[in-house]
Each structure stands twice: as structure tokens, then as C-alpha cells.
Amino acid sequence: MTDPKPPLTLYLAAPRGFCAGVDRAIKIVEIALQKWGAPVYVRHEIVHNKFVVDGLKALGAVFVEELDEVPDDRPVIFSAHGVPKSVPAAAQAREMIWVDATCPLVSKVHIEAERHHENGLQMIMIGHAGHPETIGTMGQLPAGEVLLVETVADVAAVHPRDPEKLAFITQTTLSVDDTIEIVAALKARFPAIVGPHKEDICYATTNRQASVKAIAGQIDALLVIGAPNSSNSRRLVEVGRANGCAYAQLVQRATDIDWRALEGIRAVGITAGASAPEVLVNEVIDAFRARFDTTVELVETAKEHVEFKVPRILRMAE
């Protein structure tokens, strides 16, 4: 006779997983492959998720880091994170077919930065150095026009051209709570600084962090399904820890779960970053069901109905 499985409650956070910008970016690659056939090139990972990228590779997408790796006669797609202005300019100069899959909410930040620049303001960007979105946003303006800060401490060290002529923008995938602190520090040091008309951190990032806060007090451990290079996924781990969840772990697949760390637990929270597909969430739930007498409880803090159209160049192919 086999031992009974220990009881476990899974608190499934909602919203979780794919956002509208990720949905749109993946659809752009799929439609481009239908329209032009393989190979279609993609500059940088279209979204930060290995499972998604591997699926698109199987369909004929070729992922590269730089435009000079793409032949002139094949289409190229720019990732959802956005690119510096120099990249589409180079594609145009080579008379390439190119499609911009930049999330419209990232494009909103780009437009904001340009508008402030036209009004004579220097930008301070709150973001993570080296992240593709930060590189793309800073690359919308000439060198030196966007100063990057990552922490409250960075605010004290930044030296703008004119403290009276400043605006700030943010990466769309930051921790909401951390960003509030950095913005407060910016406003304290530069009282004249101009903020965005509407919050730069995107709805999906905000909603996923709120759903983690809602379950953090009820769970012994939190698993965030997402990629190590996914900013919004890593922020979810941090939010879980900051809200009292002693064990919070980022996993890409069910095979990454550290079962020894979960011995003796009774309640686990599960969420997924904005570039993680629901199939991976189901895979993790099935892994728990194989080991525990599992009860799944959905904790929904918001409903999302956002949709973004694909670029006009692809609409005829749908």
C-alpha cells in the first residue's frame, strides 16, 4: 500500500502570464513566417522566454543579436523590448523589410522621451543597465540626453545639465514599490522634474505584482514561472520576498523546481511573468499533483482585456 500524498494548497495568482504586448509580438513572428516563409530573422529574443523562442525557431525564425547578422533579402523583426533609433535607420538604409514588434506601451515611453527632449528637457530614466528595453529607450535620443538611475543611491550621484530642466521616464517592467521610492528621491532632489502623464510601468507588471501581494500572506513558498533574463519575472520574486514570503523562486519549467526546499510545506503560490505561456503553468501544477494531494485556489485581483493590433504591413496576411 502506498503512502497517501501529503495535502497541499496551490494559490494560483491572476492575472499571470502573457500580456497583450507579448501576445502581439509572438503573433507578429508567426504571421511574418506565413507571409514571407522561413527564415524570418528576429533581432534579440522576441520575448524573454526560452520555451517561446524555441517554438518560434522550430517554425523557421532565426534569432540574432545584431542587424549585421541578417541578410539584406530576408525580413527582420525587432523585439517587443524596443530598439534604438539607429537600428530601423540602418535597416532602412539597406532597403530591408523590417517589422517593429515593440510593445505599444514601450513605444509610449519612447514618444514621451522625444516630446520632453523637444521641449528642452533632459531625461532621467529609471531602469536596469543593459536591459534591452533600457538600451532601446535611451537610444531614442542623442547620447547624454538620457541619464540612467537604478536605485535611490544613484539619484544622489546623478549630475544633470540643468536641474530646472528635467523629466523622468521608467522602464515598463520595474518593481512598483521600488520605483515609488526612486521617484520620491528624484522629486526631493529636483523639485521641478516633470513626470509622465500616465504611469510608465505597464498595466501587466502592476497587475502581476498586485496578485503576488494578495497571496503572499497565505503561502509558505512562491514559484514564479519565467526566464532568468525576464525583468518582470524577477521583480515578482522580489515582491514575494518583500511581502513576507520566505521562499520565492524563479523557475523556467517544472523540471527546475527544488522539491527538497519545499518539504513540509502546506501552501504554495504560483504566478508567471508576462512572457511565460500558460502551458508552463499547467506543467508546474501537474508536477505538484504528482507529488501532493493538491487543491488549487484561484486568487484573481484584476481582469485584463487589453489587445494590440499587429503592424499594418502584416494585417493583409492574417
Foldseek 3Di string as FASTA:
>chain_A
DDDAFAAAEEAEFPPFAADQLLVQLLVQLVLLCLVPNADAEEAAQLAFAPVSSVVSVVRHYHYDNAPVVDDQEHEYEYHQLAAAPVRVVVNVVSVHHYFYSHRVLLVVLLVVLVVLVVVVAAEEEAEDPPQRNVNRSCNSDDPPSYHYDHALVVLVVDDHPDLLRYEYAYRQQAQPVRVVSNVVSSCVVRVNYHYDPDHSNDPQLVQLLVRLLVCLVPFQEEEEAGHPSHSSSVSSQVSSVVNPRVYYYYDPALVPDDVVVVPPTHYYYYHYHNNHDVVRVVRNVVSVVVRHVYDYHYDYDDDDDDHDDGDPVSPVSD
